[in-house]
Amino acid sequence: MKTNIINIGNSEGIILPSTLLRQLNLTLKSAVNIEIENGAITIKPDPRQGWAEAAKQMHDAQDDELLSDDFSNSFDREEWTW
């Protein structure tokens, strides 16, 4: 797919076709990571997008309790000074 760099305000950018965004399940407010790799610009979806909202929904549904009550280990019990 070929596109051109355009002016967007005081910056430059490209317009991403909606078909591309749908294939990656991205929307207008999606977070992405932009990097230069081997002389090319790569745009990747942020793997943690939506986590904050999912955590809030879990909390609201009271479904965010710990699965295990005790995460301590022998170092915590025997060597660490609390």
PDB file of N, CA and C in Angstrom:
ATOM      1  N   MET A   1       0.839  -1.166   0.000  1.00  0.00           N
ATOM      2  CA  MET A   1       0.000   0.000   0.000  1.00  0.00           C
ATOM      3  C   MET A   1       0.891   1.238   0.000  1.00  0.00           C
ATOM      4  N   LYS A   2       0.601   2.174  -0.838  1.00  0.00           N
ATOM      5  CA  LYS A   2       1.406   3.374  -0.975  1.00  0.00           C
ATOM      6  C   LYS A   2       0.590   4.573  -0.497  1.00  0.00           C
ATOM      7  N   THR A   3       1.255   5.486   0.226  1.00  0.00           N
ATOM      8  CA  THR A   3       0.616   6.714   0.699  1.00  0.00           C
ATOM      9  C   THR A   3       1.655   7.820   0.713  1.00  0.00           C
ATOM     10  N   ASN A   4       1.229   9.035   0.934  1.00  0.00           N
ATOM     11  CA  ASN A   4       2.137  10.177   0.967  1.00  0.00           C
ATOM     12  C   ASN A   4       2.172  10.799   2.352  1.00  0.00           C
ATOM     13  N   ILE A   5       3.299  11.439   2.653  1.00  0.00           N
ATOM     14  CA  ILE A   5       3.411  12.213   3.889  1.00  0.00           C
ATOM     15  C   ILE A   5       2.714  13.553   3.639  1.00  0.00           C
ATOM     16  N   ILE A   6       1.863  13.957   4.598  1.00  0.00           N
ATOM     17  CA  ILE A   6       1.096  15.198   4.451  1.00  0.00           C
ATOM     18  C   ILE A   6       1.318  16.104   5.656  1.00  0.00           C
ATOM     19  N   ASN A   7       0.974  17.364   5.519  1.00  0.00           N
ATOM     20  CA  ASN A   7       1.004  18.293   6.649  1.00  0.00           C
ATOM     21  C   ASN A   7      -0.231  18.078   7.514  1.00  0.00           C
ATOM     22  N   ILE A   8       0.011  18.009   8.820  1.00  0.00           N
ATOM     23  CA  ILE A   8      -1.074  17.923   9.801  1.00  0.00           C
ATOM     24  C   ILE A   8      -0.743  18.949  10.882  1.00  0.00           C
ATOM     25  N   GLY A   9      -1.343  20.140  10.768  1.00  0.00           N
ATOM     26  CA  GLY A   9      -0.997  21.220  11.685  1.00  0.00           C
ATOM     27  C   GLY A   9       0.444  21.622  11.472  1.00  0.00           C
ATOM     28  N   ASN A  10       1.226  21.665  12.553  1.00  0.00           N
ATOM     29  CA  ASN A  10       2.648  22.007  12.468  1.00  0.00           C
ATOM     30  C   ASN A  10       3.527  20.766  12.311  1.00  0.00           C
ATOM     31  N   SER A  11       2.910  19.624  12.075  1.00  0.00           N
ATOM     32  CA  SER A  11       3.645  18.363  11.954  1.00  0.00           C
ATOM     33  C   SER A  11       3.388  17.737  10.597  1.00  0.00           C
ATOM     34  N   GLU A  12       3.995  16.608  10.387  1.00  0.00           N
ATOM     35  CA  GLU A  12       3.742  15.815   9.193  1.00  0.00           C
ATOM     36  C   GLU A  12       3.218  14.461   9.633  1.00  0.00           C
ATOM     37  N   GLY A  13       2.497  13.807   8.751  1.00  0.00           N
ATOM     38  CA  GLY A  13       1.961  12.501   9.091  1.00  0.00           C
ATOM     39  C   GLY A  13       1.473  11.772   7.865  1.00  0.00           C
ATOM     40  N   ILE A  14       0.894  10.625   8.116  1.00  0.00           N
ATOM     41  CA  ILE A  14       0.272   9.843   7.047  1.00  0.00           C
ATOM     42  C   ILE A  14      -1.138   9.491   7.495  1.00  0.00           C
ATOM     43  N   ILE A  15      -2.006   9.260   6.532  1.00  0.00           N
ATOM     44  CA  ILE A  15      -3.357   8.814   6.835  1.00  0.00           C
ATOM     45  C   ILE A  15      -3.383   7.299   6.674  1.00  0.00           C
ATOM     46  N   LEU A  16      -3.832   6.626   7.725  1.00  0.00           N
ATOM     47  CA  LEU A  16      -3.916   5.163   7.688  1.00  0.00           C
ATOM     48  C   LEU A  16      -5.322   4.767   7.252  1.00  0.00           C
ATOM     49  N   PRO A  17      -5.433   3.964   6.216  1.00  0.00           N
ATOM     50  CA  PRO A  17      -6.756   3.537   5.760  1.00  0.00           C
ATOM     51  C   PRO A  17      -7.510   2.773   6.845  1.00  0.00           C
ATOM     52  N   SER A  18      -8.809   2.970   6.905  1.00  0.00           N
ATOM     53  CA  SER A  18      -9.627   2.327   7.935  1.00  0.00           C
ATOM     54  C   SER A  18      -9.572   0.802   7.822  1.00  0.00           C
ATOM     55  N   THR A  19      -9.374   0.276   6.637  1.00  0.00           N
ATOM     56  CA  THR A  19      -9.278  -1.181   6.493  1.00  0.00           C
ATOM     57  C   THR A  19      -8.065  -1.726   7.244  1.00  0.00           C
ATOM     58  N   LEU A  20      -6.958  -0.988   7.200  1.00  0.00           N
ATOM     59  CA  LEU A  20      -5.768  -1.389   7.956  1.00  0.00           C
ATOM     60  C   LEU A  20      -6.048  -1.354   9.448  1.00  0.00           C
ATOM     61  N   LEU A  21      -6.675  -0.276   9.911  1.00  0.00           N
ATOM     62  CA  LEU A  21      -6.967  -0.138  11.338  1.00  0.00           C
ATOM     63  C   LEU A  21      -7.899  -1.248  11.816  1.00  0.00           C
ATOM     64  N   ARG A  22      -8.892  -1.586  11.016  1.00  0.00           N
ATOM     65  CA  ARG A  22      -9.826  -2.663  11.400  1.00  0.00           C
ATOM     66  C   ARG A  22      -9.099  -4.000  11.495  1.00  0.00           C
ATOM     67  N   GLN A  23      -8.165  -4.257  10.585  1.00  0.00           N
ATOM     68  CA  GLN A  23      -7.422  -5.520  10.613  1.00  0.00           C
ATOM     69  C   GLN A  23      -6.620  -5.657  11.902  1.00  0.00           C
ATOM     70  N   LEU A  24      -6.163  -4.538  12.449  1.00  0.00           N
ATOM     71  CA  LEU A  24      -5.378  -4.550  13.682  1.00  0.00           C
ATOM     72  C   LEU A  24      -6.227  -4.265  14.916  1.00  0.00           C
ATOM     73  N   ASN A  25      -7.533  -4.124  14.709  1.00  0.00           N
ATOM     74  CA  ASN A  25      -8.459  -3.823  15.804  1.00  0.00           C
ATOM     75  C   ASN A  25      -8.081  -2.517  16.520  1.00  0.00           C
ATOM     76  N   LEU A  26      -7.740  -1.487  15.747  1.00  0.00           N
ATOM     77  CA  LEU A  26      -7.384  -0.178  16.282  1.00  0.00           C
ATOM     78  C   LEU A  26      -8.503   0.816  16.012  1.00  0.00           C
ATOM     79  N   THR A  27      -8.643   1.785  16.926  1.00  0.00           N
ATOM     80  CA  THR A  27      -9.624   2.851  16.767  1.00  0.00           C
ATOM     81  C   THR A  27      -8.911   4.192  16.893  1.00  0.00           C
ATOM     82  N   LEU A  28      -9.678   5.278  16.845  1.00  0.00           N
ATOM     83  CA  LEU A  28      -9.085   6.613  16.907  1.00  0.00           C
ATOM     84  C   LEU A  28      -8.207   6.848  18.137  1.00  0.00           C
ATOM     85  N   LYS A  29      -8.563   6.320  19.267  1.00  0.00           N
ATOM     86  CA  LYS A  29      -7.822   6.574  20.511  1.00  0.00           C
ATOM     87  C   LYS A  29      -6.862   5.446  20.883  1.00  0.00           C
ATOM     88  N   SER A  30      -6.655   4.490  19.999  1.00  0.00           N
ATOM     89  CA  SER A  30      -5.773   3.363  20.309  1.00  0.00           C
ATOM     90  C   SER A  30      -4.331   3.828  20.504  1.00  0.00           C
ATOM     91  N   ALA A  31      -3.662   3.201  21.467  1.00  0.00           N
ATOM     92  CA  ALA A  31      -2.246   3.470  21.697  1.00  0.00           C
ATOM     93  C   ALA A  31      -1.410   2.579  20.785  1.00  0.00           C
ATOM     94  N   VAL A  32      -0.371   3.142  20.207  1.00  0.00           N
ATOM     95  CA  VAL A  32       0.538   2.390  19.351  1.00  0.00           C
ATOM     96  C   VAL A  32       1.976   2.726  19.722  1.00  0.00           C
ATOM     97  N   ASN A  33       2.882   1.839  19.374  1.00  0.00           N
ATOM     98  CA  ASN A  33       4.313   2.071  19.527  1.00  0.00           C
ATOM     99  C   ASN A  33       4.899   2.295  18.144  1.00  0.00           C
ATOM    100  N   ILE A  34       5.672   3.372  17.991  1.00  0.00           N
ATOM    101  CA  ILE A  34       6.307   3.689  16.716  1.00  0.00           C
ATOM    102  C   ILE A  34       7.810   3.575  16.908  1.00  0.00           C
ATOM    103  N   GLU A  35       8.460   2.807  16.049  1.00  0.00           N
ATOM    104  CA  GLU A  35       9.905   2.586  16.142  1.00  0.00           C
ATOM    105  C   GLU A  35      10.521   2.600  14.752  1.00  0.00           C
ATOM    106  N   ILE A  36      11.819   2.768  14.730  1.00  0.00           N
ATOM    107  CA  ILE A  36      12.577   2.609  13.492  1.00  0.00           C
ATOM    108  C   ILE A  36      13.299   1.272  13.601  1.00  0.00           C
ATOM    109  N   GLU A  37      13.056   0.384  12.639  1.00  0.00           N
ATOM    110  CA  GLU A  37      13.686  -0.933  12.619  1.00  0.00           C
ATOM    111  C   GLU A  37      14.265  -1.181  11.234  1.00  0.00           C
ATOM    112  N   ASN A  38      15.556  -1.345  11.166  1.00  0.00           N
ATOM    113  CA  ASN A  38      16.240  -1.638   9.897  1.00  0.00           C
ATOM    114  C   ASN A  38      15.889  -0.622   8.815  1.00  0.00           C
ATOM    115  N   GLY A  39      15.880   0.657   9.185  1.00  0.00           N
ATOM    116  CA  GLY A  39      15.622   1.711   8.217  1.00  0.00           C
ATOM    117  C   GLY A  39      14.164   1.882   7.829  1.00  0.00           C
ATOM    118  N   ALA A  40      13.254   1.244   8.562  1.00  0.00           N
ATOM    119  CA  ALA A  40      11.820   1.364   8.266  1.00  0.00           C
ATOM    120  C   ALA A  40      11.068   1.795   9.524  1.00  0.00           C
ATOM    121  N   ILE A  41       9.997   2.528   9.334  1.00  0.00           N
ATOM    122  CA  ILE A  41       9.142   2.926  10.448  1.00  0.00           C
ATOM    123  C   ILE A  41       8.138   1.805  10.677  1.00  0.00           C
ATOM    124  N   THR A  42       8.053   1.322  11.915  1.00  0.00           N
ATOM    125  CA  THR A  42       7.054   0.308  12.248  1.00  0.00           C
ATOM    126  C   THR A  42       6.070   0.891  13.253  1.00  0.00           C
ATOM    127  N   ILE A  43       4.817   0.590  13.065  1.00  0.00           N
ATOM    128  CA  ILE A  43       3.752   1.006  13.975  1.00  0.00           C
ATOM    129  C   ILE A  43       3.100  -0.266  14.481  1.00  0.00           C
ATOM    130  N   LYS A  44       3.155  -0.480  15.797  1.00  0.00           N
ATOM    131  CA  LYS A  44       2.594  -1.700  16.382  1.00  0.00           C
ATOM    132  C   LYS A  44       1.572  -1.317  17.451  1.00  0.00           C
ATOM    133  N   PRO A  45       0.487  -2.075  17.538  1.00  0.00           N
ATOM    134  CA  PRO A  45      -0.482  -1.822  18.604  1.00  0.00           C
ATOM    135  C   PRO A  45       0.175  -1.997  19.966  1.00  0.00           C
ATOM    136  N   ASP A  46      -0.183  -1.152  20.927  1.00  0.00           N
ATOM    137  CA  ASP A  46       0.291  -1.304  22.290  1.00  0.00           C
ATOM    138  C   ASP A  46      -0.348  -2.563  22.857  1.00  0.00           C
ATOM    139  N   PRO A  47       0.454  -3.534  23.299  1.00  0.00           N
ATOM    140  CA  PRO A  47      -0.129  -4.799  23.743  1.00  0.00           C
ATOM    141  C   PRO A  47      -0.992  -4.673  24.991  1.00  0.00           C
ATOM    142  N   ARG A  48      -0.877  -3.577  25.731  1.00  0.00           N
ATOM    143  CA  ARG A  48      -1.637  -3.434  26.973  1.00  0.00           C
ATOM    144  C   ARG A  48      -2.812  -2.480  26.852  1.00  0.00           C
ATOM    145  N   GLN A  49      -3.165  -2.106  25.640  1.00  0.00           N
ATOM    146  CA  GLN A  49      -4.289  -1.187  25.511  1.00  0.00           C
ATOM    147  C   GLN A  49      -5.564  -1.869  25.987  1.00  0.00           C
ATOM    148  N   GLY A  50      -6.361  -1.120  26.697  1.00  0.00           N
ATOM    149  CA  GLY A  50      -7.608  -1.652  27.227  1.00  0.00           C
ATOM    150  C   GLY A  50      -7.488  -2.295  28.596  1.00  0.00           C
ATOM    151  N   TRP A  51      -6.264  -2.491  29.099  1.00  0.00           N
ATOM    152  CA  TRP A  51      -6.088  -3.135  30.392  1.00  0.00           C
ATOM    153  C   TRP A  51      -6.692  -2.311  31.520  1.00  0.00           C
ATOM    154  N   ALA A  52      -6.494  -0.996  31.496  1.00  0.00           N
ATOM    155  CA  ALA A  52      -6.993  -0.144  32.577  1.00  0.00           C
ATOM    156  C   ALA A  52      -8.514  -0.227  32.657  1.00  0.00           C
ATOM    157  N   GLU A  53      -9.183  -0.152  31.520  1.00  0.00           N
ATOM    158  CA  GLU A  53     -10.647  -0.239  31.504  1.00  0.00           C
ATOM    159  C   GLU A  53     -11.111  -1.625  31.944  1.00  0.00           C
ATOM    160  N   ALA A  54     -10.410  -2.667  31.510  1.00  0.00           N
ATOM    161  CA  ALA A  54     -10.769  -4.029  31.923  1.00  0.00           C
ATOM    162  C   ALA A  54     -10.606  -4.198  33.432  1.00  0.00           C
ATOM    163  N   ALA A  55      -9.557  -3.634  34.001  1.00  0.00           N
ATOM    164  CA  ALA A  55      -9.335  -3.713  35.448  1.00  0.00           C
ATOM    165  C   ALA A  55     -10.437  -2.973  36.198  1.00  0.00           C
ATOM    166  N   LYS A  56     -10.850  -1.818  35.679  1.00  0.00           N
ATOM    167  CA  LYS A  56     -11.923  -1.052  36.314  1.00  0.00           C
ATOM    168  C   LYS A  56     -13.224  -1.843  36.276  1.00  0.00           C
ATOM    169  N   GLN A  57     -13.518  -2.477  35.147  1.00  0.00           N
ATOM    170  CA  GLN A  57     -14.737  -3.274  35.043  1.00  0.00           C
ATOM    171  C   GLN A  57     -14.705  -4.455  36.010  1.00  0.00           C
ATOM    172  N   MET A  58     -13.536  -5.091  36.149  1.00  0.00           N
ATOM    173  CA  MET A  58     -13.406  -6.193  37.103  1.00  0.00           C
ATOM    174  C   MET A  58     -13.644  -5.710  38.521  1.00  0.00           C
ATOM    175  N   HIS A  59     -13.078  -4.543  38.849  1.00  0.00           N
ATOM    176  CA  HIS A  59     -13.247  -3.993  40.188  1.00  0.00           C
ATOM    177  C   HIS A  59     -14.717  -3.666  40.449  1.00  0.00           C
ATOM    178  N   ASP A  60     -15.366  -3.028  39.477  1.00  0.00           N
ATOM    179  CA  ASP A  60     -16.774  -2.668  39.629  1.00  0.00           C
ATOM    180  C   ASP A  60     -17.655  -3.909  39.825  1.00  0.00           C
ATOM    181  N   ALA A  61     -17.264  -5.024  39.191  1.00  0.00           N
ATOM    182  CA  ALA A  61     -18.011  -6.275  39.315  1.00  0.00           C
ATOM    183  C   ALA A  61     -17.546  -7.090  40.526  1.00  0.00           C
ATOM    184  N   GLN A  62     -16.654  -6.531  41.334  1.00  0.00           N
ATOM    185  CA  GLN A  62     -16.058  -7.205  42.497  1.00  0.00           C
ATOM    186  C   GLN A  62     -15.449  -8.550  42.106  1.00  0.00           C
ATOM    187  N   ASP A  63     -14.773  -8.542  40.971  1.00  0.00           N
ATOM    188  CA  ASP A  63     -14.143  -9.751  40.445  1.00  0.00           C
ATOM    189  C   ASP A  63     -12.630  -9.573  40.367  1.00  0.00           C
ATOM    190  N   ASP A  64     -12.062  -8.804  41.315  1.00  0.00           N
ATOM    191  CA  ASP A  64     -10.631  -8.528  41.257  1.00  0.00           C
ATOM    192  C   ASP A  64      -9.905  -8.958  42.530  1.00  0.00           C
ATOM    193  N   GLU A  65     -10.389 -10.012  43.156  1.00  0.00           N
ATOM    194  CA  GLU A  65      -9.729 -10.484  44.366  1.00  0.00           C
ATOM    195  C   GLU A  65      -8.513 -11.329  44.006  1.00  0.00           C
ATOM    196  N   LEU A  66      -7.574 -11.421  44.946  1.00  0.00           N
ATOM    197  CA  LEU A  66      -6.376 -12.226  44.731  1.00  0.00           C
ATOM    198  C   LEU A  66      -6.743 -13.697  44.636  1.00  0.00           C
ATOM    199  N   LEU A  67      -6.059 -14.416  43.778  1.00  0.00           N
ATOM    200  CA  LEU A  67      -6.318 -15.844  43.626  1.00  0.00           C
ATOM    201  C   LEU A  67      -5.634 -16.658  44.705  1.00  0.00           C
ATOM    202  N   SER A  68      -4.620 -16.092  45.337  1.00  0.00           N
ATOM    203  CA  SER A  68      -3.897 -16.774  46.399  1.00  0.00           C
ATOM    204  C   SER A  68      -3.689 -15.781  47.530  1.00  0.00           C
ATOM    205  N   ASP A  69      -3.897 -16.226  48.756  1.00  0.00           N
ATOM    206  CA  ASP A  69      -3.748 -15.333  49.907  1.00  0.00           C
ATOM    207  C   ASP A  69      -2.295 -15.109  50.299  1.00  0.00           C
ATOM    208  N   ASP A  70      -1.429 -16.056  50.007  1.00  0.00           N
ATOM    209  CA  ASP A  70      -0.059 -15.984  50.504  1.00  0.00           C
ATOM    210  C   ASP A  70       0.935 -16.043  49.352  1.00  0.00           C
ATOM    211  N   PHE A  71       1.624 -14.919  49.134  1.00  0.00           N
ATOM    212  CA  PHE A  71       2.655 -14.878  48.101  1.00  0.00           C
ATOM    213  C   PHE A  71       4.055 -14.864  48.710  1.00  0.00           C
ATOM    214  N   SER A  72       4.158 -15.054  50.008  1.00  0.00           N
ATOM    215  CA  SER A  72       5.466 -14.995  50.641  1.00  0.00           C
ATOM    216  C   SER A  72       6.288 -16.228  50.286  1.00  0.00           C
ATOM    217  N   ASN A  73       7.592 -16.090  50.486  1.00  0.00           N
ATOM    218  CA  ASN A  73       8.505 -17.201  50.234  1.00  0.00           C
ATOM    219  C   ASN A  73       9.440 -17.320  51.421  1.00  0.00           C
ATOM    220  N   SER A  74      10.363 -18.252  51.380  1.00  0.00           N
ATOM    221  CA  SER A  74      11.242 -18.468  52.532  1.00  0.00           C
ATOM    222  C   SER A  74      12.095 -17.234  52.822  1.00  0.00           C
ATOM    223  N   PHE A  75      12.510 -16.498  51.795  1.00  0.00           N
ATOM    224  CA  PHE A  75      13.273 -15.269  52.042  1.00  0.00           C
ATOM    225  C   PHE A  75      12.426 -14.276  52.826  1.00  0.00           C
ATOM    226  N   ASP A  76      11.175 -14.092  52.429  1.00  0.00           N
ATOM    227  CA  ASP A  76      10.296 -13.165  53.132  1.00  0.00           C
ATOM    228  C   ASP A  76      10.110 -13.569  54.588  1.00  0.00           C
ATOM    229  N   ARG A  77       9.938 -14.868  54.846  1.00  0.00           N
ATOM    230  CA  ARG A  77       9.643 -15.346  56.198  1.00  0.00           C
ATOM    231  C   ARG A  77      10.881 -15.412  57.084  1.00  0.00           C
ATOM    232  N   GLU A  78      12.054 -15.746  56.526  1.00  0.00           N
ATOM    233  CA  GLU A  78      13.203 -16.054  57.361  1.00  0.00           C
ATOM    234  C   GLU A  78      14.315 -15.003  57.318  1.00  0.00           C
ATOM    235  N   GLU A  79      14.502 -14.315  56.195  1.00  0.00           N
ATOM    236  CA  GLU A  79      15.659 -13.424  56.060  1.00  0.00           C
ATOM    237  C   GLU A  79      15.319 -11.950  56.034  1.00  0.00           C
ATOM    238  N   TRP A  80      14.204 -11.596  55.496  1.00  0.00           N
ATOM    239  CA  TRP A  80      13.836 -10.184  55.342  1.00  0.00           C
ATOM    240  C   TRP A  80      13.409  -9.592  56.672  1.00  0.00           C
ATOM    241  N   THR A  81      13.886  -8.381  56.957  1.00  0.00           N
ATOM    242  CA  THR A  81      13.460  -7.675  58.163  1.00  0.00           C
ATOM    243  C   THR A  81      12.391  -6.684  57.776  1.00  0.00           C
ATOM    244  N   TRP A  82      11.197  -6.904  58.313  1.00  0.00           N
ATOM    245  CA  TRP A  82      10.067  -6.041  58.000  1.00  0.00           C
ATOM    246  C   TRP A  82      10.043  -4.836  58.894  1.00  0.00           C
TER     247      TRP A  82
END
